[in-house]
Each structure stands twice: as C-alpha cells, then as structure tokens.
Amino acid sequence: MPTYLLTWNPKRWTWHDLDKSAKKIRADQHITERWSCGVNRSIAPGDRVFLIRLGMPPKGIIASGWVTSHVIEDSHWDTKLARDGKQALYVEIDLDVLLNPETDEILSREALTKGVLAEMHWDSQSSGIRIPDHVARELERKWAQFLDLRVDTSLAIPEEDLADPSSYLEGSTKQVILNTYERNPKAREKCLRHFGYNCAICNFNFKQTFGPLGDKFIHVHHLTPLSRKGGQYKLDPIRDLRPVCPNCHAMIHKRKPAFTITEVGKLRGNK
C-alpha cells in the first residue's frame, strides 16, 4: 500500500495535547488527528503514514497510522498565514501508535541511516512525501522490531508459562512520570498461540501477503478496553483478547463505545 511520511517540527507548531493523546492510545482508545500533507493531493483513505519529529532533538519516528479521509483544504495551520487567508492541505489519520518524545523512547533519526532506510530523505521540511515501497517495507519491519523491544519481547517466553491456563494480571498502573496501562506480553503470546495470526474479522494474514516481513505481525484487541477496567484485573487471554488487523482495529474504534468484533464483521459483509 502507498506509505507517506508526515512531519512535525515543534519549533514551528506546538502540539499541546500530545501527552493526552499518547495516553489515550496506550489505554486502547481511538485517536483521529488532522495533519498537514504538504502539497500532496494523492493521499487517499487506507494509505499508511509515519510521523517524524524534526527541528529539535530528539528527532525520529514518533507515530504511525492510517489515512481515513481524502485530502481536505482548510485554513493554514500557521496562525499568521491563516490570518492572511492562506490555505493548507490536510488528511485525517487514525493513529495506532503515538509516542511522547519528552517521556518515551522513539525510533531515532540515527536508526534511519542504515541499510535500505538510508535511501530515503528523512529530513524533508515538507509533509506528505511518499516513502518508496521497498523502504516502507523495511521501515515497517524496523518499527515493529523497535516497538517489541521497547515494551518487552515475548518471543522467548518459556513453554511452561504459556501452558498455565490461569489468568494473567493485566492493567496494573506503573508509575514512571505518568501512569500508563501496562500490558502483559505473556497474555498476548498466549492469545496468538490459541487464535493464530489471522484477523478475527477479515481473516487477513500479514505473512501470507508480505512474506517474512509480515511474520507474527498482528494487533491484539482487548474486547473490553483497559481504560474501562479501572486498574489491575485478571485477564484471560482466550476470553478477553482477539487478533485483529490494523484496518479492522481502526474501524472497531471509530465509535465510542467501540464496535464489537461481530458488529464490524457484519459491516464488512461477514455472514
């Protein structure tokens, strides 16, 4: 699918609710942002986007998501230019990951200088630049690897831990600088061991489509959002979690309260 790079320079525009939005995504809540796409009018719903922070350190990829609108022309994001009647182009995006660079580790600009990733000009001041397909595939792999390592990889969990049918504790808050809902990687792994890596709604399998790049890639959806659990609770990975692709996951959270898996399945014509 087409993949585009959106840019954010905090020297030029202050993202006042960044921390609030990042917290919502950690709590499995749906977030839609309108973002400038430069002069690009070709971006369309369903396209993939990555957001890079430039201008001041730390620099690097801080977010990813999916385009949910056609290009919109509206008042310029720069208030001075807007007062002069200037317009800008925007798209709406559903974010699946958003990191706060003031408190979170991000995928650094330096990490984008190696191998295939070095073929992309990452320091463009213009938003909406298309990422070449082969670079986008490598970026997806690097991004997934970075997120797994940042949280806690669950690829080497002992079999005896997975064999235990008891529930796992999940949702306990961990005090760092802010409170975040802490996910249990063992619960995710047990869910995927049981259900596999096909989307529970559309049956999409990333490995079948993208080969090794898509191996073991899938979102895991909480049937009841952690934010509604209100603290630590016992989670049953088989009862409470389901694998879903990013597209279906975004559709689930297009409404508050979220759609059920069954409802989204009916919307796409599942019997």
C-alpha atoms as a PDB file:
ATOM      1  CA  MET A   1       0.000   0.000   0.000  1.00  0.00           C
ATOM      2  CA  PRO A   2       1.223   3.597  -0.507  1.00  0.00           C
ATOM      3  CA  THR A   3       3.131   4.853   2.546  1.00  0.00           C
ATOM      4  CA  TYR A   4       3.781   8.522   3.301  1.00  0.00           C
ATOM      5  CA  LEU A   5       5.980  10.485   5.685  1.00  0.00           C
ATOM      6  CA  LEU A   6       4.305  13.245   7.692  1.00  0.00           C
ATOM      7  CA  THR A   7       6.498  15.725   9.531  1.00  0.00           C
ATOM      8  CA  TRP A   8       6.310  17.661  12.787  1.00  0.00           C
ATOM      9  CA  ASN A   9       8.677  20.451  13.769  1.00  0.00           C
ATOM     10  CA  PRO A  10       7.951  21.595  17.358  1.00  0.00           C
ATOM     11  CA  LYS A  11       9.804  24.842  16.615  1.00  0.00           C
ATOM     12  CA  ARG A  12       7.077  25.749  14.140  1.00  0.00           C
ATOM     13  CA  TRP A  13       3.983  24.277  15.817  1.00  0.00           C
ATOM     14  CA  THR A  14       3.321  23.263  19.423  1.00  0.00           C
ATOM     15  CA  TRP A  15       1.385  20.011  19.903  1.00  0.00           C
ATOM     16  CA  HIS A  16      -0.385  20.935  23.129  1.00  0.00           C
ATOM     17  CA  ASP A  17      -2.345  17.693  23.639  1.00  0.00           C
ATOM     18  CA  LEU A  18       0.386  15.259  22.553  1.00  0.00           C
ATOM     19  CA  ASP A  19       0.769  13.749  26.014  1.00  0.00           C
ATOM     20  CA  LYS A  20      -3.005  13.396  26.417  1.00  0.00           C
ATOM     21  CA  SER A  21      -3.347  11.721  23.009  1.00  0.00           C
ATOM     22  CA  ALA A  22      -0.455   9.339  23.699  1.00  0.00           C
ATOM     23  CA  LYS A  23      -2.110   8.288  26.966  1.00  0.00           C
ATOM     24  CA  LYS A  24      -5.399   7.591  25.176  1.00  0.00           C
ATOM     25  CA  ILE A  25      -3.748   5.313  22.641  1.00  0.00           C
ATOM     26  CA  ARG A  26      -1.961   3.428  25.419  1.00  0.00           C
ATOM     27  CA  ALA A  27      -5.380   2.913  27.003  1.00  0.00           C
ATOM     28  CA  ASP A  28      -6.716   1.417  23.737  1.00  0.00           C
ATOM     29  CA  GLN A  29      -8.825   4.465  22.912  1.00  0.00           C
ATOM     30  CA  HIS A  30      -9.401   5.673  19.370  1.00  0.00           C
ATOM     31  CA  ILE A  31      -7.479   8.775  18.225  1.00  0.00           C
ATOM     32  CA  THR A  32      -8.003  10.710  14.997  1.00  0.00           C
ATOM     33  CA  GLU A  33      -5.730  13.617  14.091  1.00  0.00           C
ATOM     34  CA  ARG A  34      -5.878  16.052  11.168  1.00  0.00           C
ATOM     35  CA  TRP A  35      -2.377  16.564   9.763  1.00  0.00           C
ATOM     36  CA  SER A  36      -0.822  18.678   7.051  1.00  0.00           C
ATOM     37  CA  CYS A  37       0.179  16.730   3.917  1.00  0.00           C
ATOM     38  CA  GLY A  38       2.160  19.494   2.218  1.00  0.00           C
ATOM     39  CA  VAL A  39       1.204  19.846  -1.451  1.00  0.00           C
ATOM     40  CA  ASN A  40       0.299  16.190  -1.900  1.00  0.00           C
ATOM     41  CA  ARG A  41      -3.256  15.681  -3.160  1.00  0.00           C
ATOM     42  CA  SER A  42      -2.794  11.968  -3.924  1.00  0.00           C
ATOM     43  CA  ILE A  43      -3.047  10.593  -0.393  1.00  0.00           C
ATOM     44  CA  ALA A  44      -6.212   8.529  -0.004  1.00  0.00           C
ATOM     45  CA  PRO A  45      -8.101   6.576   2.668  1.00  0.00           C
ATOM     46  CA  GLY A  46      -6.326   3.348   3.560  1.00  0.00           C
ATOM     47  CA  ASP A  47      -2.817   4.669   2.920  1.00  0.00           C
ATOM     48  CA  ARG A  48      -0.185   4.124   5.597  1.00  0.00           C
ATOM     49  CA  VAL A  49       1.582   7.059   7.306  1.00  0.00           C
ATOM     50  CA  PHE A  50       4.521   7.552   9.639  1.00  0.00           C
ATOM     51  CA  LEU A  51       5.117  10.757  11.588  1.00  0.00           C
ATOM     52  CA  ILE A  52       8.655  12.014  12.137  1.00  0.00           C
ATOM     53  CA  ARG A  53       9.731  14.714  14.595  1.00  0.00           C
ATOM     54  CA  LEU A  54      12.301  17.123  13.150  1.00  0.00           C
ATOM     55  CA  GLY A  55      13.756  20.520  14.015  1.00  0.00           C
ATOM     56  CA  MET A  56      14.988  19.759  17.527  1.00  0.00           C
ATOM     57  CA  PRO A  57      16.117  16.667  19.440  1.00  0.00           C
ATOM     58  CA  PRO A  58      15.058  14.052  19.981  1.00  0.00           C
ATOM     59  CA  LYS A  59      14.453  13.519  16.267  1.00  0.00           C
ATOM     60  CA  GLY A  60      12.862  10.385  14.849  1.00  0.00           C
ATOM     61  CA  ILE A  61       9.672   8.458  14.179  1.00  0.00           C
ATOM     62  CA  ILE A  62       7.096   9.044  16.911  1.00  0.00           C
ATOM     63  CA  ALA A  63       3.855   7.708  15.404  1.00  0.00           C
ATOM     64  CA  SER A  64       2.189   5.567  12.762  1.00  0.00           C
ATOM     65  CA  GLY A  65      -1.342   5.285  11.491  1.00  0.00           C
ATOM     66  CA  TRP A  66      -3.769   5.035   8.598  1.00  0.00           C
ATOM     67  CA  VAL A  67      -5.354   7.709   6.443  1.00  0.00           C
ATOM     68  CA  THR A  68      -9.143   7.873   6.862  1.00  0.00           C
ATOM     69  CA  SER A  69     -10.072  10.816   4.633  1.00  0.00           C
ATOM     70  CA  HIS A  70      -9.413  12.308   1.242  1.00  0.00           C
ATOM     71  CA  VAL A  71      -7.313  15.481   1.138  1.00  0.00           C
ATOM     72  CA  ILE A  72      -9.015  18.448   2.822  1.00  0.00           C
ATOM     73  CA  GLU A  73      -8.226  22.104   2.078  1.00  0.00           C
ATOM     74  CA  ASP A  74      -8.649  24.406   5.053  1.00  0.00           C
ATOM     75  CA  SER A  75      -7.104  27.374   6.857  1.00  0.00           C
ATOM     76  CA  HIS A  76      -3.341  27.175   7.249  1.00  0.00           C
ATOM     77  CA  TRP A  77      -2.029  25.581  10.458  1.00  0.00           C
ATOM     78  CA  ASP A  78       0.278  28.589  10.924  1.00  0.00           C
ATOM     79  CA  THR A  79      -1.963  31.190  12.564  1.00  0.00           C
ATOM     80  CA  LYS A  80      -0.066  34.093  10.967  1.00  0.00           C
ATOM     81  CA  LEU A  81      -0.525  32.644   7.480  1.00  0.00           C
ATOM     82  CA  ALA A  82      -4.134  31.780   8.285  1.00  0.00           C
ATOM     83  CA  ARG A  83      -4.823  35.439   9.144  1.00  0.00           C
ATOM     84  CA  ASP A  84      -3.534  36.327   5.690  1.00  0.00           C
ATOM     85  CA  GLY A  85      -6.047  33.909   4.152  1.00  0.00           C
ATOM     86  CA  LYS A  86      -3.529  31.168   3.334  1.00  0.00           C
ATOM     87  CA  GLN A  87      -4.797  27.611   2.958  1.00  0.00           C
ATOM     88  CA  ALA A  88      -3.158  24.235   3.616  1.00  0.00           C
ATOM     89  CA  LEU A  89      -3.888  20.625   2.699  1.00  0.00           C
ATOM     90  CA  TYR A  90      -4.714  18.063   5.371  1.00  0.00           C
ATOM     91  CA  VAL A  91      -5.693  14.433   5.812  1.00  0.00           C
ATOM     92  CA  GLU A  92      -7.296  12.776   8.809  1.00  0.00           C
ATOM     93  CA  ILE A  93      -5.363   9.855  10.268  1.00  0.00           C
ATOM     94  CA  ASP A  94      -6.187   7.152  12.780  1.00  0.00           C
ATOM     95  CA  LEU A  95      -3.097   6.610  14.918  1.00  0.00           C
ATOM     96  CA  ASP A  96      -2.199   3.097  16.027  1.00  0.00           C
ATOM     97  CA  VAL A  97       0.990   4.201  17.848  1.00  0.00           C
ATOM     98  CA  LEU A  98       1.885   7.584  19.320  1.00  0.00           C
ATOM     99  CA  LEU A  99       4.979   8.182  21.455  1.00  0.00           C
ATOM    100  CA  ASN A 100       5.663  11.297  23.511  1.00  0.00           C
ATOM    101  CA  PRO A 101       9.321  12.144  22.819  1.00  0.00           C
ATOM    102  CA  GLU A 102       9.537  14.015  26.136  1.00  0.00           C
ATOM    103  CA  THR A 103       8.915  10.816  28.105  1.00  0.00           C
ATOM    104  CA  ASP A 104       9.160   7.889  25.649  1.00  0.00           C
ATOM    105  CA  GLU A 105      11.992   6.417  23.653  1.00  0.00           C
ATOM    106  CA  ILE A 106      11.369   6.985  19.925  1.00  0.00           C
ATOM    107  CA  LEU A 107      12.797   5.392  16.776  1.00  0.00           C
ATOM    108  CA  SER A 108      15.764   7.721  16.429  1.00  0.00           C
ATOM    109  CA  ARG A 109      16.774   9.606  13.309  1.00  0.00           C
ATOM    110  CA  GLU A 110      20.134   7.817  13.524  1.00  0.00           C
ATOM    111  CA  ALA A 111      18.398   4.445  13.206  1.00  0.00           C
ATOM    112  CA  LEU A 112      17.123   5.544   9.791  1.00  0.00           C
ATOM    113  CA  THR A 113      20.623   5.925   8.345  1.00  0.00           C
ATOM    114  CA  LYS A 114      21.369   2.218   7.982  1.00  0.00           C
ATOM    115  CA  GLY A 115      20.794  -0.153   5.075  1.00  0.00           C
ATOM    116  CA  VAL A 116      17.764   0.376   2.867  1.00  0.00           C
ATOM    117  CA  LEU A 117      16.406   3.095   5.168  1.00  0.00           C
ATOM    118  CA  ALA A 118      19.321   5.347   4.198  1.00  0.00           C
ATOM    119  CA  GLU A 119      17.848   5.648   0.691  1.00  0.00           C
ATOM    120  CA  MET A 120      15.040   7.878   1.977  1.00  0.00           C
ATOM    121  CA  HIS A 121      15.458  11.622   2.612  1.00  0.00           C
ATOM    122  CA  TRP A 122      14.012  11.769   6.131  1.00  0.00           C
ATOM    123  CA  ASP A 123      14.743  15.453   6.832  1.00  0.00           C
ATOM    124  CA  SER A 124      12.267  16.934   4.377  1.00  0.00           C
ATOM    125  CA  GLN A 125      10.503  20.007   5.728  1.00  0.00           C
ATOM    126  CA  SER A 126       7.530  19.201   3.513  1.00  0.00           C
ATOM    127  CA  SER A 127       4.930  16.794   4.856  1.00  0.00           C
ATOM    128  CA  GLY A 128       3.304  14.148   2.663  1.00  0.00           C
ATOM    129  CA  ILE A 129       6.370  12.752   0.877  1.00  0.00           C
ATOM    130  CA  ARG A 130       5.825   9.207  -0.388  1.00  0.00           C
ATOM    131  CA  ILE A 131       8.195   6.588   1.010  1.00  0.00           C
ATOM    132  CA  PRO A 132       9.408   4.186  -1.711  1.00  0.00           C
ATOM    133  CA  ASP A 133       7.733   0.791  -1.340  1.00  0.00           C
ATOM    134  CA  HIS A 134      10.915  -1.156  -0.578  1.00  0.00           C
ATOM    135  CA  VAL A 135      11.934   1.431   2.041  1.00  0.00           C
ATOM    136  CA  ALA A 136       8.425   1.375   3.530  1.00  0.00           C
ATOM    137  CA  ARG A 137       8.609  -2.406   3.937  1.00  0.00           C
ATOM    138  CA  GLU A 138      11.899  -2.085   5.790  1.00  0.00           C
ATOM    139  CA  LEU A 139      10.514   0.750   7.923  1.00  0.00           C
ATOM    140  CA  GLU A 140       7.525  -1.409   8.926  1.00  0.00           C
ATOM    141  CA  ARG A 141       9.920  -4.186   9.941  1.00  0.00           C
ATOM    142  CA  LYS A 142      12.165  -1.800  11.864  1.00  0.00           C
ATOM    143  CA  TRP A 143       9.199  -0.085  13.551  1.00  0.00           C
ATOM    144  CA  ALA A 144       7.654  -3.405  14.661  1.00  0.00           C
ATOM    145  CA  GLN A 145      11.030  -4.583  15.961  1.00  0.00           C
ATOM    146  CA  PHE A 146      11.581  -1.308  17.824  1.00  0.00           C
ATOM    147  CA  LEU A 147       8.142  -1.440  19.480  1.00  0.00           C
ATOM    148  CA  ASP A 148       8.608  -5.071  20.523  1.00  0.00           C
ATOM    149  CA  LEU A 149      11.993  -4.368  22.092  1.00  0.00           C
ATOM    150  CA  ARG A 150      10.778  -1.150  23.691  1.00  0.00           C
ATOM    151  CA  VAL A 151       7.915  -2.842  25.525  1.00  0.00           C
ATOM    152  CA  ASP A 152       9.251  -6.341  26.148  1.00  0.00           C
ATOM    153  CA  THR A 153       9.723  -9.015  23.543  1.00  0.00           C
ATOM    154  CA  SER A 154       7.575 -12.088  24.158  1.00  0.00           C
ATOM    155  CA  LEU A 155       9.292 -14.357  21.631  1.00  0.00           C
ATOM    156  CA  ALA A 156      11.278 -16.305  24.230  1.00  0.00           C
ATOM    157  CA  ILE A 157       8.620 -16.994  26.860  1.00  0.00           C
ATOM    158  CA  PRO A 158       9.122 -20.432  28.470  1.00  0.00           C
ATOM    159  CA  GLU A 159       6.621 -23.071  27.368  1.00  0.00           C
ATOM    160  CA  GLU A 160       5.704 -23.818  30.973  1.00  0.00           C
ATOM    161  CA  ASP A 161       4.477 -20.250  31.406  1.00  0.00           C
ATOM    162  CA  LEU A 162       2.301 -20.487  28.314  1.00  0.00           C
ATOM    163  CA  ALA A 163       0.922 -23.864  29.339  1.00  0.00           C
ATOM    164  CA  ASP A 164      -0.526 -22.478  32.572  1.00  0.00           C
ATOM    165  CA  PRO A 165      -4.260 -21.973  31.884  1.00  0.00           C
ATOM    166  CA  SER A 166      -4.679 -19.496  34.741  1.00  0.00           C
ATOM    167  CA  SER A 167      -5.458 -15.880  34.056  1.00  0.00           C
ATOM    168  CA  TYR A 168      -2.745 -13.245  33.797  1.00  0.00           C
ATOM    169  CA  LEU A 169      -2.728  -9.975  35.675  1.00  0.00           C
ATOM    170  CA  GLU A 170      -3.003  -7.032  33.302  1.00  0.00           C
ATOM    171  CA  GLY A 171      -3.781  -3.352  33.502  1.00  0.00           C
ATOM    172  CA  SER A 172      -1.741  -2.511  36.591  1.00  0.00           C
ATOM    173  CA  THR A 173      -0.529   1.091  36.510  1.00  0.00           C
ATOM    174  CA  LYS A 174       3.209   1.655  36.615  1.00  0.00           C
ATOM    175  CA  GLN A 175       4.466   4.978  37.992  1.00  0.00           C
ATOM    176  CA  VAL A 176       7.133   6.489  35.768  1.00  0.00           C
ATOM    177  CA  ILE A 177       6.453  10.148  35.007  1.00  0.00           C
ATOM    178  CA  LEU A 178       2.854   9.399  34.133  1.00  0.00           C
ATOM    179  CA  ASN A 179       0.568   6.473  34.728  1.00  0.00           C
ATOM    180  CA  THR A 180       0.264   4.025  31.823  1.00  0.00           C
ATOM    181  CA  TYR A 181      -1.755   0.862  31.418  1.00  0.00           C
ATOM    182  CA  GLU A 182       0.792  -1.930  31.463  1.00  0.00           C
ATOM    183  CA  ARG A 183       0.119  -4.780  29.008  1.00  0.00           C
ATOM    184  CA  ASN A 184       1.189  -8.321  29.750  1.00  0.00           C
ATOM    185  CA  PRO A 185       3.238  -9.772  26.838  1.00  0.00           C
ATOM    186  CA  LYS A 186       2.604 -13.328  28.044  1.00  0.00           C
ATOM    187  CA  ALA A 187      -1.137 -12.773  27.652  1.00  0.00           C
ATOM    188  CA  ARG A 188      -0.621 -11.520  24.080  1.00  0.00           C
ATOM    189  CA  GLU A 189       1.519 -14.523  23.215  1.00  0.00           C
ATOM    190  CA  LYS A 190      -0.979 -16.992  24.651  1.00  0.00           C
ATOM    191  CA  CYS A 191      -3.819 -15.331  22.725  1.00  0.00           C
ATOM    192  CA  LEU A 192      -1.882 -15.703  19.479  1.00  0.00           C
ATOM    193  CA  ARG A 193      -0.878 -19.271  20.263  1.00  0.00           C
ATOM    194  CA  HIS A 194      -4.591 -20.074  20.590  1.00  0.00           C
ATOM    195  CA  PHE A 195      -6.143 -17.992  17.772  1.00  0.00           C
ATOM    196  CA  GLY A 196      -3.220 -17.696  15.340  1.00  0.00           C
ATOM    197  CA  TYR A 197      -2.212 -14.634  13.321  1.00  0.00           C
ATOM    198  CA  ASN A 198      -5.274 -14.251  11.079  1.00  0.00           C
ATOM    199  CA  CYS A 199      -7.524 -11.261  11.711  1.00  0.00           C
ATOM    200  CA  ALA A 200     -10.602 -12.385  13.644  1.00  0.00           C
ATOM    201  CA  ILE A 201     -12.761 -10.127  11.457  1.00  0.00           C
ATOM    202  CA  CYS A 202     -11.450 -10.223   7.875  1.00  0.00           C
ATOM    203  CA  ASN A 203      -9.081 -13.229   8.116  1.00  0.00           C
ATOM    204  CA  PHE A 204      -6.160 -11.196   6.719  1.00  0.00           C
ATOM    205  CA  ASN A 205      -2.740 -12.741   7.363  1.00  0.00           C
ATOM    206  CA  PHE A 206       0.313 -10.496   7.028  1.00  0.00           C
ATOM    207  CA  LYS A 207       2.783 -13.323   6.382  1.00  0.00           C
ATOM    208  CA  GLN A 208       0.695 -14.692   3.520  1.00  0.00           C
ATOM    209  CA  THR A 209       0.682 -11.245   1.879  1.00  0.00           C
ATOM    210  CA  PHE A 210       4.087  -9.805   2.783  1.00  0.00           C
ATOM    211  CA  GLY A 211       6.156 -12.945   3.336  1.00  0.00           C
ATOM    212  CA  PRO A 212       8.767 -12.951   6.129  1.00  0.00           C
ATOM    213  CA  LEU A 213       8.205  -9.218   6.746  1.00  0.00           C
ATOM    214  CA  GLY A 214       4.698  -9.967   7.992  1.00  0.00           C
ATOM    215  CA  ASP A 215       5.616 -12.994  10.107  1.00  0.00           C
ATOM    216  CA  LYS A 216       3.921 -12.846  13.523  1.00  0.00           C
ATOM    217  CA  PHE A 217       2.591  -9.330  12.894  1.00  0.00           C
ATOM    218  CA  ILE A 218      -0.970  -8.623  14.069  1.00  0.00           C
ATOM    219  CA  HIS A 219      -2.694  -6.344  16.558  1.00  0.00           C
ATOM    220  CA  VAL A 220      -4.283  -7.832  19.663  1.00  0.00           C
ATOM    221  CA  HIS A 221      -7.606  -6.248  20.611  1.00  0.00           C
ATOM    222  CA  HIS A 222      -8.991  -6.084  24.152  1.00  0.00           C
ATOM    223  CA  LEU A 223     -12.682  -6.933  23.935  1.00  0.00           C
ATOM    224  CA  THR A 224     -13.149  -4.591  26.907  1.00  0.00           C
ATOM    225  CA  PRO A 225     -10.743  -1.604  26.797  1.00  0.00           C
ATOM    226  CA  LEU A 226      -8.222  -1.445  29.622  1.00  0.00           C
ATOM    227  CA  SER A 227      -9.337   2.098  30.366  1.00  0.00           C
ATOM    228  CA  ARG A 228     -12.758   0.754  31.384  1.00  0.00           C
ATOM    229  CA  LYS A 229     -11.299  -1.886  33.700  1.00  0.00           C
ATOM    230  CA  GLY A 230     -10.058   0.723  36.146  1.00  0.00           C
ATOM    231  CA  GLY A 231      -6.751  -0.632  37.386  1.00  0.00           C
ATOM    232  CA  GLN A 232      -5.345  -4.122  37.840  1.00  0.00           C
ATOM    233  CA  TYR A 233      -7.575  -7.049  36.916  1.00  0.00           C
ATOM    234  CA  LYS A 234      -7.335 -10.709  35.966  1.00  0.00           C
ATOM    235  CA  LEU A 235      -7.250 -11.148  32.210  1.00  0.00           C
ATOM    236  CA  ASP A 236      -7.977 -14.401  30.412  1.00  0.00           C
ATOM    237  CA  PRO A 237      -6.090 -14.258  27.066  1.00  0.00           C
ATOM    238  CA  ILE A 238      -8.548 -16.624  25.378  1.00  0.00           C
ATOM    239  CA  ARG A 239     -11.711 -14.960  26.661  1.00  0.00           C
ATOM    240  CA  ASP A 240     -10.626 -11.298  26.621  1.00  0.00           C
ATOM    241  CA  LEU A 241      -8.293 -10.885  23.606  1.00  0.00           C
ATOM    242  CA  ARG A 242      -8.589 -11.335  19.830  1.00  0.00           C
ATOM    243  CA  PRO A 243      -6.099 -10.859  16.959  1.00  0.00           C
ATOM    244  CA  VAL A 244      -7.225  -8.160  14.508  1.00  0.00           C
ATOM    245  CA  CYS A 245      -5.501  -6.434  11.586  1.00  0.00           C
ATOM    246  CA  PRO A 246      -4.777  -2.671  11.901  1.00  0.00           C
ATOM    247  CA  ASN A 247      -7.559  -1.766   9.445  1.00  0.00           C
ATOM    248  CA  CYS A 248     -10.255  -3.658  11.334  1.00  0.00           C
ATOM    249  CA  HIS A 249      -8.816  -2.429  14.633  1.00  0.00           C
ATOM    250  CA  ALA A 250      -9.183   1.172  13.453  1.00  0.00           C
ATOM    251  CA  MET A 251     -12.802   0.526  12.443  1.00  0.00           C
ATOM    252  CA  ILE A 252     -13.577  -1.010  15.847  1.00  0.00           C
ATOM    253  CA  HIS A 253     -12.581   2.276  17.482  1.00  0.00           C
ATOM    254  CA  LYS A 254     -14.386   4.568  15.038  1.00  0.00           C
ATOM    255  CA  ARG A 255     -17.162   4.813  17.633  1.00  0.00           C
ATOM    256  CA  LYS A 256     -17.344   5.365  21.371  1.00  0.00           C
ATOM    257  CA  PRO A 257     -18.122   2.959  22.852  1.00  0.00           C
ATOM    258  CA  ALA A 258     -16.184   0.808  20.409  1.00  0.00           C
ATOM    259  CA  PHE A 259     -17.881  -1.507  17.958  1.00  0.00           C
ATOM    260  CA  THR A 260     -17.781  -5.197  18.767  1.00  0.00           C
ATOM    261  CA  ILE A 261     -15.910  -7.623  16.537  1.00  0.00           C
ATOM    262  CA  THR A 262     -19.261  -9.060  15.430  1.00  0.00           C
ATOM    263  CA  GLU A 263     -20.602  -5.627  14.501  1.00  0.00           C
ATOM    264  CA  VAL A 264     -17.570  -4.770  12.387  1.00  0.00           C
ATOM    265  CA  GLY A 265     -17.781  -8.186  10.744  1.00  0.00           C
ATOM    266  CA  LYS A 266     -21.386  -7.505   9.742  1.00  0.00           C
ATOM    267  CA  LEU A 267     -20.440  -4.068   8.393  1.00  0.00           C
ATOM    268  CA  ARG A 268     -17.935  -5.674   6.027  1.00  0.00           C
ATOM    269  CA  GLY A 269     -20.437  -8.307   4.949  1.00  0.00           C
ATOM    270  CA  ASN A 270     -19.411 -11.305   7.069  1.00  0.00           C
ATOM    271  CA  LYS A 271     -22.136 -13.890   7.489  1.00  0.00           C
END
